[in-house]
C-alpha atoms as a PDB file:
ATOM      1  CA  MET A   1      67.925 150.051   7.341  1.00  0.00           C
ATOM      2  CA  GLU A   2      64.333 149.918   5.948  1.00  0.00           C
ATOM      3  CA  PRO A   3      63.527 148.057   2.876  1.00  0.00           C
ATOM      4  CA  ALA A   4      62.785 150.241  -0.105  1.00  0.00           C
ATOM      5  CA  ASP A   5      59.172 150.856  -0.937  1.00  0.00           C
ATOM      6  CA  PRO A   6      58.509 149.301  -4.330  1.00  0.00           C
ATOM      7  CA  ARG A   7      56.053 152.039  -5.141  1.00  0.00           C
ATOM      8  CA  ASP A   8      59.024 154.680  -5.009  1.00  0.00           C
ATOM      9  CA  ASP A   9      60.838 152.742  -7.870  1.00  0.00           C
ATOM     10  CA  ASP A  10      60.747 155.147 -10.806  1.00  0.00           C
ATOM     11  CA  ASP A  11      62.261 152.866 -13.578  1.00  0.00           C
ATOM     12  CA  GLY A  12      60.036 153.950 -16.443  1.00  0.00           C
ATOM     13  CA  ASP A  13      57.466 151.062 -16.195  1.00  0.00           C
ATOM     14  CA  ASP A  14      54.487 153.326 -16.292  1.00  0.00           C
ATOM     15  CA  GLU A  15      53.995 152.621 -20.063  1.00  0.00           C
ATOM     16  CA  ALA A  16      54.187 148.986 -19.355  1.00  0.00           C
ATOM     17  CA  ALA A  17      51.544 149.166 -16.496  1.00  0.00           C
ATOM     18  CA  GLU A  18      49.264 151.239 -18.806  1.00  0.00           C
ATOM     19  CA  SER A  19      49.498 148.445 -21.445  1.00  0.00           C
ATOM     20  CA  GLU A  20      48.826 145.638 -18.852  1.00  0.00           C
ATOM     21  CA  ASN A  21      45.841 147.829 -17.528  1.00  0.00           C
ATOM     22  CA  ALA A  22      44.434 147.970 -21.198  1.00  0.00           C
ATOM     23  CA  ALA A  23      44.708 144.186 -21.643  1.00  0.00           C
ATOM     24  CA  GLU A  24      43.017 143.641 -18.451  1.00  0.00           C
ATOM     25  CA  ARG A  25      40.138 145.873 -19.261  1.00  0.00           C
ATOM     26  CA  ALA A  26      39.653 143.951 -22.500  1.00  0.00           C
ATOM     27  CA  LEU A  27      39.506 140.656 -20.835  1.00  0.00           C
ATOM     28  CA  ARG A  28      37.271 141.851 -17.827  1.00  0.00           C
ATOM     29  CA  PRO A  29      33.955 141.095 -19.818  1.00  0.00           C
ATOM     30  CA  LEU A  30      35.034 137.650 -20.308  1.00  0.00           C
ATOM     31  CA  CYS A  31      36.023 136.999 -16.676  1.00  0.00           C
ATOM     32  CA  LEU A  32      32.759 138.496 -15.453  1.00  0.00           C
ATOM     33  CA  GLY A  33      30.785 135.990 -17.523  1.00  0.00           C
ATOM     34  CA  SER A  34      33.066 133.050 -16.928  1.00  0.00           C
ATOM     35  CA  ARG A  35      30.707 131.377 -14.795  1.00  0.00           C
ATOM     36  CA  SER A  36      28.035 131.544 -17.420  1.00  0.00           C
ATOM     37  CA  TRP A  37      30.454 130.266 -20.075  1.00  0.00           C
ATOM     38  CA  LEU A  38      30.639 126.808 -18.257  1.00  0.00           C
ATOM     39  CA  PHE A  39      27.009 126.276 -19.576  1.00  0.00           C
ATOM     40  CA  ALA A  40      27.552 126.660 -23.261  1.00  0.00           C
ATOM     41  CA  GLY A  41      25.466 123.667 -23.668  1.00  0.00           C
ATOM     42  CA  SER A  42      28.295 121.438 -25.172  1.00  0.00           C
ATOM     43  CA  ASP A  43      31.943 121.531 -26.555  1.00  0.00           C
ATOM     44  CA  ARG A  44      30.553 122.729 -29.921  1.00  0.00           C
ATOM     45  CA  GLY A  45      28.701 125.559 -28.083  1.00  0.00           C
ATOM     46  CA  GLY A  46      31.980 126.671 -26.484  1.00  0.00           C
ATOM     47  CA  VAL A  47      33.795 126.611 -29.866  1.00  0.00           C
ATOM     48  CA  ARG A  48      31.023 128.683 -31.397  1.00  0.00           C
ATOM     49  CA  ALA A  49      31.385 131.181 -28.585  1.00  0.00           C
ATOM     50  CA  ALA A  50      35.012 131.445 -28.934  1.00  0.00           C
ATOM     51  CA  ALA A  51      34.599 131.975 -32.628  1.00  0.00           C
ATOM     52  CA  MET A  52      32.119 134.849 -31.897  1.00  0.00           C
ATOM     53  CA  TYR A  53      34.407 136.428 -29.305  1.00  0.00           C
ATOM     54  CA  THR A  54      37.182 136.211 -31.962  1.00  0.00           C
ATOM     55  CA  LEU A  55      35.132 138.076 -34.591  1.00  0.00           C
ATOM     56  CA  ILE A  56      33.757 140.641 -32.259  1.00  0.00           C
ATOM     57  CA  GLY A  57      37.220 141.385 -30.877  1.00  0.00           C
ATOM     58  CA  THR A  58      38.754 141.524 -34.317  1.00  0.00           C
ATOM     59  CA  ALA A  59      36.155 144.124 -35.371  1.00  0.00           C
ATOM     60  CA  LYS A  60      36.858 146.140 -32.223  1.00  0.00           C
ATOM     61  CA  LEU A  61      40.608 146.060 -32.551  1.00  0.00           C
ATOM     62  CA  ASN A  62      39.800 147.533 -36.292  1.00  0.00           C
ATOM     63  CA  ASP A  63      37.589 150.325 -34.802  1.00  0.00           C
ATOM     64  CA  VAL A  64      34.527 148.715 -36.552  1.00  0.00           C
ATOM     65  CA  ASP A  65      31.267 148.416 -34.690  1.00  0.00           C
ATOM     66  CA  PRO A  66      30.719 144.700 -34.360  1.00  0.00           C
ATOM     67  CA  GLN A  67      27.073 144.655 -34.611  1.00  0.00           C
ATOM     68  CA  ALA A  68      26.990 146.599 -37.856  1.00  0.00           C
ATOM     69  CA  TRP A  69      29.833 144.772 -39.393  1.00  0.00           C
ATOM     70  CA  LEU A  70      28.348 141.183 -38.819  1.00  0.00           C
ATOM     71  CA  ALA A  71      24.951 142.363 -39.792  1.00  0.00           C
ATOM     72  CA  ASP A  72      26.248 143.538 -43.217  1.00  0.00           C
ATOM     73  CA  VAL A  73      28.697 140.621 -43.638  1.00  0.00           C
ATOM     74  CA  LEU A  74      25.857 138.148 -42.919  1.00  0.00           C
ATOM     75  CA  ALA A  75      23.557 140.074 -45.347  1.00  0.00           C
ATOM     76  CA  ARG A  76      26.195 139.997 -48.128  1.00  0.00           C
ATOM     77  CA  ILE A  77      28.339 136.908 -47.900  1.00  0.00           C
ATOM     78  CA  ALA A  78      25.867 134.481 -49.679  1.00  0.00           C
ATOM     79  CA  GLY A  79      26.032 136.667 -52.988  1.00  0.00           C
ATOM     80  CA  MET A  80      29.746 137.327 -52.605  1.00  0.00           C
ATOM     81  CA  PRO A  81      32.083 135.498 -55.067  1.00  0.00           C
ATOM     82  CA  GLN A  82      34.799 133.427 -53.331  1.00  0.00           C
ATOM     83  CA  ASN A  83      37.585 135.530 -54.572  1.00  0.00           C
ATOM     84  CA  ARG A  84      36.195 138.664 -53.100  1.00  0.00           C
ATOM     85  CA  LEU A  85      35.513 137.465 -49.610  1.00  0.00           C
ATOM     86  CA  HIS A  86      38.457 139.443 -48.367  1.00  0.00           C
ATOM     87  CA  GLU A  87      36.459 142.542 -48.905  1.00  0.00           C
ATOM     88  CA  LEU A  88      34.344 141.490 -45.944  1.00  0.00           C
ATOM     89  CA  LEU A  89      37.282 141.426 -43.388  1.00  0.00           C
ATOM     90  CA  PRO A  90      37.025 144.187 -40.713  1.00  0.00           C
ATOM     91  CA  TRP A  91      39.994 146.086 -41.932  1.00  0.00           C
ATOM     92  CA  LYS A  92      38.848 145.989 -45.517  1.00  0.00           C
ATOM     93  CA  TRP A  93      35.162 146.479 -44.666  1.00  0.00           C
ATOM     94  CA  GLN A  94      35.899 149.695 -42.840  1.00  0.00           C
ATOM     95  CA  GLU A  95      37.585 151.198 -45.916  1.00  0.00           C
ATOM     96  CA  HIS A  96      34.682 149.953 -48.033  1.00  0.00           C
ATOM     97  CA  SER A  97      32.040 151.347 -45.757  1.00  0.00           C
ATOM     98  CA  ARG A  98      33.806 154.824 -45.783  1.00  0.00           C
ATOM     99  CA  HIS A  99      34.070 154.751 -49.448  1.00  0.00           C
ATOM    100  CA  ASN A 100      30.515 154.112 -49.970  1.00  0.00           C
ATOM    101  CA  GLN A 101      29.614 157.025 -47.420  1.00  0.00           C
ATOM    102  CA  ALA A 102      31.940 159.561 -49.312  1.00  0.00           C
ATOM    103  CA  VAL A 103      30.108 158.669 -52.641  1.00  0.00           C
END
């Protein structure tokens, strides 16, 4: 008796496989540049790079253009009162920018 071919196993894992593929695609740019990231210059440089990846990733997860969002936040943050900083978060910023476009 021949062993069963694992590719013939139809146990409904297609959805899980698609989810894994999406996660792998999201990590690909980081992996491709991993050799370069060894030369961040210092531990502080690595921490800054990680912070930037977090900001960019959060913007992308909220369907916000990271470059436009960061440019707008950097332009507005100095004049923003502390109790309104939450308006600059990507999920709030998206709503804010759509509201301004509609007006």
